[in-house]
Amino acid sequence: MEIIVATNNNGKVKEINDILKGYKLSSLADINLDIDVVEDGNTFEENASKKAREIALITHKPCLADDSGLCVDALDGFPGVQTKRFLGPNFSDDDRNMCIIDKLNGLEKSKRTAKVVTCIAISNGNKTICDRGEIEGYIALSPRGSNGFGFDNIFELPNGKTLAELNSDEKNSLSSRKLACEKIREKLKDF
């Protein structure tokens, strides 16, 4: 079965392909589709499902989409589904990360708990299934590491390393995307 992955990020496609062995995965770039589905849902599940369903309806092929974000406990789950957008379109990952660190200024490590959430949805246009993966950790006192993007350099695992301090294999072995993909892989048997 060919599955369209709702991304132009080849690294993401490779990561998903490593987990969903046996399926032919194509990115949006591979099929020359330039589309940006508006993520206006209130949950990661809503956003992932909307992207998967809309692209499946356009391509007439099953589509897999994800939505991910950082949820900080001391900030009542903020930034959550707004992780990439909470400061607006003209701000960088570094700007967003420093804003989060500043909001937690003065809090001890035990009060800086957070989780990374990834929801993966697959849709054929009629039927959509979705599942979630989460990893727990802390917000670092300052950014560390250079192997990553988004909030990887401020999300500290229980072992003391940020996601950006891990090599790609280490990161992919425990990522929230991997956990969500593994759950979806089981459901694909009945899809």
N, C-alpha and C. Protein backbone atom coordinates (compact mmCIF):
# COMPACT_ATOMS: atom_id res chain seq x y z
N MET A 1 0.84 -1.18 0.00
CA MET A 1 0.00 0.00 0.00
C MET A 1 0.89 1.24 0.00
N GLU A 2 0.57 2.20 -0.88
CA GLU A 2 1.27 3.47 -0.89
C GLU A 2 0.57 4.42 0.08
N ILE A 3 1.36 5.11 0.87
CA ILE A 3 0.84 6.06 1.83
C ILE A 3 1.52 7.40 1.59
N ILE A 4 0.73 8.45 1.46
CA ILE A 4 1.26 9.81 1.35
C ILE A 4 1.51 10.32 2.77
N VAL A 5 2.69 10.86 2.99
CA VAL A 5 3.00 11.45 4.29
C VAL A 5 2.89 12.97 4.14
N ALA A 6 2.08 13.57 4.97
CA ALA A 6 1.77 15.00 4.85
C ALA A 6 2.93 15.86 5.35
N THR A 7 4.04 15.81 4.61
CA THR A 7 5.22 16.59 4.96
C THR A 7 6.11 16.73 3.74
N ASN A 8 6.96 17.72 3.78
CA ASN A 8 8.04 17.86 2.80
C ASN A 8 9.38 17.55 3.46
N ASN A 9 9.35 17.15 4.72
CA ASN A 9 10.55 16.87 5.50
C ASN A 9 10.98 15.42 5.25
N ASN A 10 12.04 15.25 4.46
CA ASN A 10 12.51 13.89 4.14
C ASN A 10 13.01 13.15 5.37
N GLY A 11 13.53 13.87 6.37
CA GLY A 11 13.95 13.23 7.61
C GLY A 11 12.78 12.59 8.33
N LYS A 12 11.65 13.28 8.32
CA LYS A 12 10.44 12.74 8.95
C LYS A 12 9.95 11.51 8.20
N VAL A 13 9.99 11.58 6.86
CA VAL A 13 9.56 10.43 6.05
C VAL A 13 10.46 9.23 6.32
N LYS A 14 11.78 9.46 6.42
CA LYS A 14 12.71 8.35 6.69
C LYS A 14 12.43 7.74 8.06
N GLU A 15 12.21 8.60 9.06
CA GLU A 15 11.92 8.12 10.41
C GLU A 15 10.65 7.27 10.42
N ILE A 16 9.61 7.74 9.76
CA ILE A 16 8.35 6.99 9.71
C ILE A 16 8.54 5.69 8.92
N ASN A 17 9.30 5.76 7.83
CA ASN A 17 9.56 4.58 7.01
C ASN A 17 10.30 3.49 7.79
N ASP A 18 11.21 3.91 8.67
CA ASP A 18 11.94 2.94 9.49
C ASP A 18 11.01 2.17 10.42
N ILE A 19 9.90 2.77 10.79
CA ILE A 19 8.95 2.14 11.70
C ILE A 19 7.88 1.38 10.93
N LEU A 20 7.40 1.96 9.84
CA LEU A 20 6.31 1.35 9.06
C LEU A 20 6.88 0.55 7.88
N LYS A 21 7.79 -0.34 8.17
CA LYS A 21 8.39 -1.15 7.10
C LYS A 21 7.31 -1.89 6.32
N GLY A 22 7.53 -2.00 5.01
CA GLY A 22 6.59 -2.74 4.18
C GLY A 22 5.58 -1.87 3.46
N TYR A 23 5.60 -0.56 3.72
CA TYR A 23 4.70 0.36 3.03
C TYR A 23 5.54 1.29 2.16
N LYS A 24 4.99 1.71 1.04
CA LYS A 24 5.66 2.68 0.19
C LYS A 24 5.20 4.06 0.63
N LEU A 25 6.13 4.85 1.15
CA LEU A 25 5.80 6.18 1.64
C LEU A 25 6.28 7.23 0.65
N SER A 26 5.43 8.21 0.40
CA SER A 26 5.78 9.33 -0.47
C SER A 26 5.47 10.62 0.25
N SER A 27 6.39 11.58 0.17
CA SER A 27 6.14 12.89 0.76
C SER A 27 5.30 13.72 -0.20
N LEU A 28 4.85 14.87 0.27
CA LEU A 28 4.10 15.78 -0.59
C LEU A 28 4.97 16.24 -1.76
N ALA A 29 6.26 16.45 -1.50
CA ALA A 29 7.18 16.86 -2.57
C ALA A 29 7.31 15.75 -3.61
N ASP A 30 7.33 14.50 -3.16
CA ASP A 30 7.45 13.37 -4.09
C ASP A 30 6.31 13.33 -5.10
N ILE A 31 5.12 13.79 -4.68
CA ILE A 31 3.96 13.74 -5.59
C ILE A 31 3.62 15.14 -6.12
N ASN A 32 4.56 16.08 -5.93
CA ASN A 32 4.40 17.45 -6.43
C ASN A 32 3.11 18.12 -5.95
N LEU A 33 2.83 17.94 -4.67
CA LEU A 33 1.65 18.57 -4.08
C LEU A 33 2.11 19.64 -3.09
N ASP A 34 1.75 20.87 -3.37
CA ASP A 34 2.10 21.98 -2.49
C ASP A 34 0.83 22.44 -1.80
N ILE A 35 0.66 21.98 -0.57
CA ILE A 35 -0.54 22.31 0.19
C ILE A 35 -0.15 22.53 1.64
N ASP A 36 -0.81 23.49 2.26
CA ASP A 36 -0.58 23.77 3.67
C ASP A 36 -1.95 23.76 4.35
N VAL A 37 -2.28 22.66 4.98
CA VAL A 37 -3.57 22.53 5.67
C VAL A 37 -3.51 23.37 6.95
N VAL A 38 -4.51 24.20 7.16
CA VAL A 38 -4.57 25.06 8.34
C VAL A 38 -4.81 24.19 9.58
N GLU A 39 -3.92 24.32 10.55
CA GLU A 39 -4.05 23.57 11.80
C GLU A 39 -4.83 24.42 12.79
N ASP A 40 -6.15 24.29 12.77
CA ASP A 40 -6.98 25.12 13.63
C ASP A 40 -7.74 24.31 14.67
N GLY A 41 -7.33 23.07 14.88
CA GLY A 41 -7.97 22.24 15.88
C GLY A 41 -7.54 22.61 17.29
N ASN A 42 -8.31 22.14 18.26
CA ASN A 42 -7.98 22.39 19.66
C ASN A 42 -7.11 21.31 20.27
N THR A 43 -6.90 20.21 19.53
CA THR A 43 -6.09 19.11 20.04
C THR A 43 -5.13 18.64 18.94
N PHE A 44 -4.08 17.95 19.36
CA PHE A 44 -3.15 17.36 18.39
C PHE A 44 -3.90 16.37 17.49
N GLU A 45 -4.82 15.61 18.08
CA GLU A 45 -5.59 14.62 17.32
C GLU A 45 -6.41 15.29 16.22
N GLU A 46 -7.06 16.40 16.55
CA GLU A 46 -7.88 17.11 15.56
C GLU A 46 -7.02 17.60 14.39
N ASN A 47 -5.86 18.18 14.69
CA ASN A 47 -5.00 18.71 13.63
C ASN A 47 -4.44 17.60 12.74
N ALA A 48 -3.95 16.52 13.35
CA ALA A 48 -3.40 15.41 12.56
C ALA A 48 -4.48 14.78 11.70
N SER A 49 -5.66 14.58 12.27
CA SER A 49 -6.76 13.96 11.53
C SER A 49 -7.22 14.83 10.37
N LYS A 50 -7.30 16.14 10.61
CA LYS A 50 -7.73 17.06 9.55
C LYS A 50 -6.76 17.03 8.38
N LYS A 51 -5.45 17.11 8.68
CA LYS A 51 -4.45 17.08 7.61
C LYS A 51 -4.53 15.78 6.82
N ALA A 52 -4.60 14.65 7.53
CA ALA A 52 -4.63 13.35 6.86
C ALA A 52 -5.87 13.23 5.97
N ARG A 53 -7.02 13.61 6.49
CA ARG A 53 -8.28 13.49 5.75
C ARG A 53 -8.29 14.40 4.51
N GLU A 54 -7.90 15.68 4.68
CA GLU A 54 -7.93 16.62 3.55
C GLU A 54 -7.00 16.18 2.42
N ILE A 55 -5.80 15.72 2.76
CA ILE A 55 -4.85 15.32 1.72
C ILE A 55 -5.27 14.00 1.08
N ALA A 56 -5.85 13.09 1.87
CA ALA A 56 -6.37 11.84 1.29
C ALA A 56 -7.47 12.12 0.29
N LEU A 57 -8.32 13.08 0.58
CA LEU A 57 -9.41 13.43 -0.34
C LEU A 57 -8.88 14.04 -1.64
N ILE A 58 -7.78 14.78 -1.55
CA ILE A 58 -7.18 15.40 -2.74
C ILE A 58 -6.44 14.36 -3.58
N THR A 59 -5.69 13.48 -2.91
CA THR A 59 -4.82 12.54 -3.64
C THR A 59 -5.49 11.21 -3.98
N HIS A 60 -6.60 10.92 -3.32
CA HIS A 60 -7.28 9.63 -3.47
C HIS A 60 -6.38 8.47 -3.06
N LYS A 61 -5.49 8.75 -2.10
CA LYS A 61 -4.59 7.73 -1.55
C LYS A 61 -4.58 7.91 -0.03
N PRO A 62 -4.29 6.84 0.70
CA PRO A 62 -4.19 7.00 2.15
C PRO A 62 -3.12 8.02 2.50
N CYS A 63 -3.41 8.83 3.49
CA CYS A 63 -2.47 9.87 3.92
C CYS A 63 -2.22 9.75 5.41
N LEU A 64 -0.95 9.87 5.78
CA LEU A 64 -0.54 9.87 7.18
C LEU A 64 -0.07 11.28 7.52
N ALA A 65 -0.56 11.81 8.63
CA ALA A 65 -0.17 13.15 9.06
C ALA A 65 0.09 13.14 10.56
N ASP A 66 0.89 14.08 11.00
CA ASP A 66 1.12 14.17 12.44
C ASP A 66 0.98 15.61 12.92
N ASP A 67 0.80 15.74 14.20
CA ASP A 67 0.87 17.03 14.86
C ASP A 67 1.58 16.79 16.17
N SER A 68 2.54 17.64 16.46
CA SER A 68 3.37 17.46 17.66
C SER A 68 3.48 18.77 18.40
N GLY A 69 3.82 18.66 19.66
CA GLY A 69 4.04 19.87 20.43
C GLY A 69 4.59 19.58 21.81
N LEU A 70 4.92 20.65 22.46
CA LEU A 70 5.49 20.64 23.80
C LEU A 70 4.43 21.11 24.78
N CYS A 71 4.22 20.35 25.85
CA CYS A 71 3.23 20.71 26.87
C CYS A 71 3.95 20.85 28.21
N VAL A 72 3.97 22.06 28.74
CA VAL A 72 4.70 22.35 29.98
C VAL A 72 3.70 22.36 31.13
N ASP A 73 3.94 21.50 32.11
CA ASP A 73 3.00 21.35 33.23
C ASP A 73 2.79 22.65 34.01
N ALA A 74 3.87 23.37 34.32
CA ALA A 74 3.75 24.60 35.11
C ALA A 74 3.00 25.70 34.37
N LEU A 75 2.85 25.52 33.06
CA LEU A 75 2.13 26.51 32.23
C LEU A 75 0.79 25.94 31.76
N ASP A 76 0.25 24.99 32.53
CA ASP A 76 -1.05 24.37 32.21
C ASP A 76 -1.10 23.79 30.80
N GLY A 77 0.00 23.17 30.36
CA GLY A 77 0.04 22.53 29.06
C GLY A 77 0.46 23.42 27.91
N PHE A 78 0.68 24.68 28.18
CA PHE A 78 1.15 25.63 27.17
C PHE A 78 2.56 25.22 26.73
N PRO A 79 2.95 25.39 25.48
CA PRO A 79 2.21 25.94 24.36
C PRO A 79 1.31 24.93 23.63
N GLY A 80 1.46 23.63 23.89
CA GLY A 80 0.53 22.64 23.35
C GLY A 80 0.42 22.70 21.83
N VAL A 81 -0.83 22.71 21.33
CA VAL A 81 -1.04 22.69 19.88
C VAL A 81 -0.53 23.96 19.21
N GLN A 82 -0.21 24.97 19.97
CA GLN A 82 0.32 26.22 19.42
C GLN A 82 1.85 26.28 19.46
N THR A 83 2.52 25.16 19.74
CA THR A 83 3.97 25.16 19.93
C THR A 83 4.71 25.90 18.82
N LYS A 84 4.38 25.66 17.61
CA LYS A 84 5.09 26.28 16.48
C LYS A 84 4.61 27.70 16.20
N ARG A 85 3.44 28.06 16.73
CA ARG A 85 2.81 29.32 16.33
C ARG A 85 2.55 30.32 17.46
N PHE A 86 2.87 29.97 18.71
CA PHE A 86 2.36 30.80 19.80
C PHE A 86 2.91 32.23 19.83
N LEU A 87 4.05 32.48 19.21
CA LEU A 87 4.56 33.86 19.14
C LEU A 87 4.23 34.54 17.82
N GLY A 88 3.66 33.79 16.88
CA GLY A 88 3.36 34.35 15.58
C GLY A 88 4.34 33.85 14.53
N PRO A 89 4.09 34.21 13.27
CA PRO A 89 4.85 33.63 12.15
C PRO A 89 6.27 34.17 11.99
N ASN A 90 6.60 35.29 12.58
CA ASN A 90 7.90 35.91 12.33
C ASN A 90 8.94 35.60 13.40
N PHE A 91 8.69 34.57 14.19
CA PHE A 91 9.63 34.23 15.26
C PHE A 91 10.25 32.87 15.00
N SER A 92 11.49 32.71 15.44
CA SER A 92 12.25 31.47 15.21
C SER A 92 12.02 30.48 16.35
N ASP A 93 12.49 29.25 16.12
CA ASP A 93 12.48 28.24 17.18
C ASP A 93 13.23 28.77 18.40
N ASP A 94 14.36 29.42 18.19
CA ASP A 94 15.14 29.95 19.32
C ASP A 94 14.34 30.99 20.09
N ASP A 95 13.61 31.84 19.39
CA ASP A 95 12.77 32.85 20.06
C ASP A 95 11.72 32.17 20.94
N ARG A 96 11.05 31.16 20.37
CA ARG A 96 10.00 30.44 21.12
C ARG A 96 10.61 29.72 22.33
N ASN A 97 11.76 29.09 22.12
CA ASN A 97 12.39 28.35 23.22
C ASN A 97 12.80 29.28 24.35
N MET A 98 13.36 30.42 24.02
CA MET A 98 13.76 31.37 25.06
C MET A 98 12.54 31.93 25.79
N CYS A 99 11.45 32.11 25.09
CA CYS A 99 10.21 32.57 25.73
C CYS A 99 9.74 31.55 26.78
N ILE A 100 9.78 30.27 26.42
CA ILE A 100 9.37 29.22 27.37
C ILE A 100 10.31 29.19 28.56
N ILE A 101 11.62 29.26 28.31
CA ILE A 101 12.60 29.27 29.41
C ILE A 101 12.34 30.47 30.32
N ASP A 102 12.10 31.64 29.73
CA ASP A 102 11.84 32.85 30.52
C ASP A 102 10.59 32.71 31.38
N LYS A 103 9.56 32.05 30.85
CA LYS A 103 8.32 31.86 31.61
C LYS A 103 8.54 30.97 32.84
N LEU A 104 9.57 30.13 32.79
CA LEU A 104 9.85 29.21 33.90
C LEU A 104 11.00 29.71 34.78
N ASN A 105 11.44 30.92 34.54
CA ASN A 105 12.57 31.48 35.27
C ASN A 105 12.36 31.37 36.79
N GLY A 106 13.35 30.82 37.48
CA GLY A 106 13.29 30.71 38.92
C GLY A 106 12.69 29.41 39.44
N LEU A 107 12.07 28.63 38.57
CA LEU A 107 11.48 27.35 39.02
C LEU A 107 12.55 26.27 39.10
N GLU A 108 12.49 25.49 40.17
CA GLU A 108 13.43 24.37 40.31
C GLU A 108 13.05 23.27 39.33
N LYS A 109 14.00 22.35 39.10
CA LYS A 109 13.81 21.32 38.08
C LYS A 109 12.52 20.52 38.29
N SER A 110 12.20 20.19 39.51
CA SER A 110 11.01 19.36 39.76
C SER A 110 9.72 20.06 39.33
N LYS A 111 9.77 21.38 39.15
CA LYS A 111 8.58 22.13 38.72
C LYS A 111 8.64 22.50 37.24
N ARG A 112 9.66 21.99 36.52
CA ARG A 112 9.85 22.30 35.11
C ARG A 112 9.47 21.11 34.23
N THR A 113 8.58 20.24 34.73
CA THR A 113 8.20 19.04 33.99
C THR A 113 7.41 19.40 32.73
N ALA A 114 7.59 18.55 31.73
CA ALA A 114 6.93 18.78 30.44
C ALA A 114 6.83 17.45 29.72
N LYS A 115 6.06 17.45 28.64
CA LYS A 115 6.00 16.26 27.79
C LYS A 115 5.96 16.70 26.34
N VAL A 116 6.48 15.82 25.49
CA VAL A 116 6.38 15.99 24.05
C VAL A 116 5.29 15.04 23.59
N VAL A 117 4.34 15.57 22.85
CA VAL A 117 3.21 14.79 22.36
C VAL A 117 3.25 14.77 20.83
N THR A 118 3.07 13.58 20.26
CA THR A 118 2.89 13.45 18.82
C THR A 118 1.65 12.62 18.57
N CYS A 119 0.76 13.14 17.75
CA CYS A 119 -0.40 12.37 17.30
C CYS A 119 -0.22 12.09 15.82
N ILE A 120 -0.42 10.84 15.47
CA ILE A 120 -0.33 10.39 14.07
C ILE A 120 -1.72 9.95 13.64
N ALA A 121 -2.14 10.43 12.51
CA ALA A 121 -3.44 10.02 11.94
C ALA A 121 -3.20 9.48 10.54
N ILE A 122 -4.00 8.51 10.16
CA ILE A 122 -4.02 8.04 8.78
C ILE A 122 -5.46 8.01 8.33
N SER A 123 -5.67 8.48 7.09
CA SER A 123 -7.03 8.56 6.56
C SER A 123 -7.04 8.14 5.10
N ASN A 124 -8.15 7.53 4.70
CA ASN A 124 -8.37 7.26 3.27
C ASN A 124 -9.45 8.21 2.73
N GLY A 125 -9.82 9.20 3.52
CA GLY A 125 -10.86 10.15 3.13
C GLY A 125 -12.20 9.83 3.77
N ASN A 126 -12.46 8.55 3.98
CA ASN A 126 -13.70 8.12 4.64
C ASN A 126 -13.44 7.72 6.08
N LYS A 127 -12.41 6.93 6.27
CA LYS A 127 -12.07 6.42 7.59
C LYS A 127 -10.75 7.05 8.03
N THR A 128 -10.72 7.49 9.29
CA THR A 128 -9.51 8.09 9.85
C THR A 128 -9.25 7.45 11.20
N ILE A 129 -8.00 7.02 11.40
CA ILE A 129 -7.61 6.51 12.71
C ILE A 129 -6.45 7.36 13.22
N CYS A 130 -6.36 7.47 14.52
CA CYS A 130 -5.37 8.36 15.13
C CYS A 130 -4.86 7.74 16.41
N ASP A 131 -3.59 7.96 16.70
CA ASP A 131 -3.04 7.53 17.98
C ASP A 131 -1.96 8.50 18.42
N ARG A 132 -1.54 8.35 19.65
CA ARG A 132 -0.67 9.33 20.29
C ARG A 132 0.53 8.66 20.94
N GLY A 133 1.66 9.35 20.90
CA GLY A 133 2.85 8.96 21.63
C GLY A 133 3.32 10.13 22.48
N GLU A 134 3.82 9.84 23.66
CA GLU A 134 4.29 10.91 24.56
C GLU A 134 5.59 10.49 25.22
N ILE A 135 6.48 11.45 25.42
CA ILE A 135 7.64 11.23 26.27
C ILE A 135 7.68 12.36 27.29
N GLU A 136 8.16 12.02 28.48
CA GLU A 136 8.17 12.99 29.57
C GLU A 136 9.59 13.42 29.89
N GLY A 137 9.71 14.64 30.37
CA GLY A 137 11.01 15.18 30.73
C GLY A 137 10.86 16.52 31.42
N TYR A 138 11.81 17.40 31.16
CA TYR A 138 11.88 18.70 31.82
C TYR A 138 12.27 19.77 30.80
N ILE A 139 12.00 21.01 31.15
CA ILE A 139 12.51 22.13 30.36
C ILE A 139 13.86 22.51 30.95
N ALA A 140 14.88 22.49 30.10
CA ALA A 140 16.24 22.81 30.53
C ALA A 140 16.34 24.28 30.95
N LEU A 141 17.37 24.59 31.72
CA LEU A 141 17.60 25.97 32.13
C LEU A 141 18.07 26.84 30.97
N SER A 142 18.74 26.19 30.00
CA SER A 142 19.20 26.90 28.81
C SER A 142 19.29 25.89 27.66
N PRO A 143 19.26 26.36 26.42
CA PRO A 143 19.35 25.45 25.28
C PRO A 143 20.68 24.71 25.27
N ARG A 144 20.62 23.40 24.89
CA ARG A 144 21.84 22.59 24.79
C ARG A 144 21.70 21.61 23.64
N GLY A 145 22.77 21.46 22.87
CA GLY A 145 22.79 20.49 21.79
C GLY A 145 22.50 21.12 20.45
N SER A 146 22.94 20.42 19.41
CA SER A 146 22.78 20.97 18.06
C SER A 146 22.15 19.98 17.08
N ASN A 147 21.78 18.80 17.54
CA ASN A 147 21.19 17.80 16.64
C ASN A 147 19.69 17.78 16.83
N GLY A 148 19.01 18.68 16.17
CA GLY A 148 17.56 18.70 16.32
C GLY A 148 16.99 19.99 15.79
N PHE A 149 15.72 20.17 16.05
CA PHE A 149 15.01 21.36 15.59
C PHE A 149 13.87 21.60 16.57
N GLY A 150 13.14 22.68 16.34
CA GLY A 150 12.02 22.99 17.24
C GLY A 150 12.51 23.19 18.66
N PHE A 151 11.92 22.45 19.58
CA PHE A 151 12.24 22.59 21.01
C PHE A 151 13.22 21.52 21.49
N ASP A 152 13.86 20.78 20.56
CA ASP A 152 14.75 19.68 20.95
C ASP A 152 15.86 20.13 21.90
N ASN A 153 16.35 21.37 21.73
CA ASN A 153 17.48 21.78 22.57
C ASN A 153 17.07 22.30 23.95
N ILE A 154 15.76 22.34 24.25
CA ILE A 154 15.34 22.72 25.61
C ILE A 154 14.57 21.60 26.31
N PHE A 155 14.27 20.51 25.60
CA PHE A 155 13.55 19.40 26.23
C PHE A 155 14.56 18.40 26.76
N GLU A 156 14.64 18.33 28.08
CA GLU A 156 15.62 17.48 28.77
C GLU A 156 14.97 16.18 29.21
N LEU A 157 15.58 15.09 28.84
CA LEU A 157 15.10 13.76 29.23
C LEU A 157 15.48 13.46 30.67
N PRO A 158 14.86 12.45 31.29
CA PRO A 158 15.22 12.09 32.67
C PRO A 158 16.71 11.76 32.83
N ASN A 159 17.40 11.37 31.75
CA ASN A 159 18.83 11.06 31.85
C ASN A 159 19.70 12.31 31.86
N GLY A 160 19.09 13.50 31.76
CA GLY A 160 19.84 14.74 31.82
C GLY A 160 20.23 15.33 30.48
N LYS A 161 20.06 14.59 29.40
CA LYS A 161 20.40 15.09 28.07
C LYS A 161 19.16 15.69 27.41
N THR A 162 19.39 16.74 26.62
CA THR A 162 18.29 17.26 25.81
C THR A 162 18.16 16.38 24.57
N LEU A 163 17.01 16.47 23.91
CA LEU A 163 16.83 15.72 22.67
C LEU A 163 17.89 16.10 21.64
N ALA A 164 18.31 17.36 21.64
CA ALA A 164 19.30 17.84 20.68
C ALA A 164 20.71 17.37 21.01
N GLU A 165 20.92 16.78 22.19
CA GLU A 165 22.23 16.23 22.55
C GLU A 165 22.35 14.75 22.18
N LEU A 166 21.26 14.17 21.68
CA LEU A 166 21.28 12.77 21.25
C LEU A 166 21.63 12.70 19.77
N ASN A 167 22.23 11.56 19.36
CA ASN A 167 22.40 11.38 17.92
C ASN A 167 21.06 10.95 17.34
N SER A 168 20.96 10.93 16.03
CA SER A 168 19.67 10.67 15.38
C SER A 168 19.11 9.30 15.76
N ASP A 169 19.95 8.27 15.81
CA ASP A 169 19.47 6.93 16.16
C ASP A 169 18.93 6.90 17.58
N GLU A 170 19.64 7.56 18.52
CA GLU A 170 19.17 7.59 19.91
C GLU A 170 17.83 8.31 20.00
N LYS A 171 17.74 9.45 19.32
CA LYS A 171 16.50 10.24 19.36
C LYS A 171 15.34 9.46 18.75
N ASN A 172 15.58 8.86 17.59
CA ASN A 172 14.52 8.12 16.91
C ASN A 172 14.07 6.89 17.69
N SER A 173 14.95 6.34 18.53
CA SER A 173 14.59 5.12 19.26
C SER A 173 13.60 5.40 20.39
N LEU A 174 13.48 6.66 20.81
CA LEU A 174 12.60 6.95 21.95
C LEU A 174 11.63 8.08 21.69
N SER A 175 11.56 8.56 20.47
CA SER A 175 10.74 9.74 20.19
C SER A 175 9.25 9.47 20.34
N SER A 176 8.52 10.54 20.59
CA SER A 176 7.07 10.43 20.68
C SER A 176 6.49 10.05 19.31
N ARG A 177 7.15 10.47 18.22
CA ARG A 177 6.71 10.08 16.88
C ARG A 177 6.83 8.58 16.70
N LYS A 178 7.93 8.01 17.18
CA LYS A 178 8.11 6.56 17.07
C LYS A 178 7.01 5.83 17.83
N LEU A 179 6.74 6.28 19.05
CA LEU A 179 5.71 5.62 19.86
C LEU A 179 4.34 5.68 19.17
N ALA A 180 4.01 6.85 18.61
CA ALA A 180 2.72 6.98 17.91
C ALA A 180 2.69 6.13 16.64
N CYS A 181 3.79 6.11 15.90
CA CYS A 181 3.85 5.30 14.67
C CYS A 181 3.71 3.82 14.97
N GLU A 182 4.31 3.37 16.05
CA GLU A 182 4.20 1.95 16.40
C GLU A 182 2.75 1.57 16.69
N LYS A 183 2.02 2.47 17.36
CA LYS A 183 0.61 2.20 17.63
C LYS A 183 -0.21 2.20 16.34
N ILE A 184 0.07 3.14 15.44
CA ILE A 184 -0.63 3.20 14.16
C ILE A 184 -0.32 1.97 13.32
N ARG A 185 0.93 1.52 13.35
CA ARG A 185 1.32 0.34 12.56
C ARG A 185 0.44 -0.85 12.89
N GLU A 186 0.14 -1.04 14.17
CA GLU A 186 -0.73 -2.14 14.58
C GLU A 186 -2.14 -1.99 14.02
N LYS A 187 -2.62 -0.75 13.98
CA LYS A 187 -3.98 -0.50 13.48
C LYS A 187 -4.07 -0.57 11.96
N LEU A 188 -2.94 -0.40 11.26
CA LEU A 188 -2.95 -0.44 9.80
C LEU A 188 -3.34 -1.82 9.26
N LYS A 189 -3.14 -2.85 10.08
CA LYS A 189 -3.49 -4.21 9.65
C LYS A 189 -4.98 -4.32 9.35
N ASP A 190 -5.79 -3.53 10.02
CA ASP A 190 -7.25 -3.58 9.84
C ASP A 190 -7.78 -2.37 9.06
N PHE A 191 -6.89 -1.58 8.50
CA PHE A 191 -7.29 -0.33 7.84
C PHE A 191 -7.74 -0.60 6.42
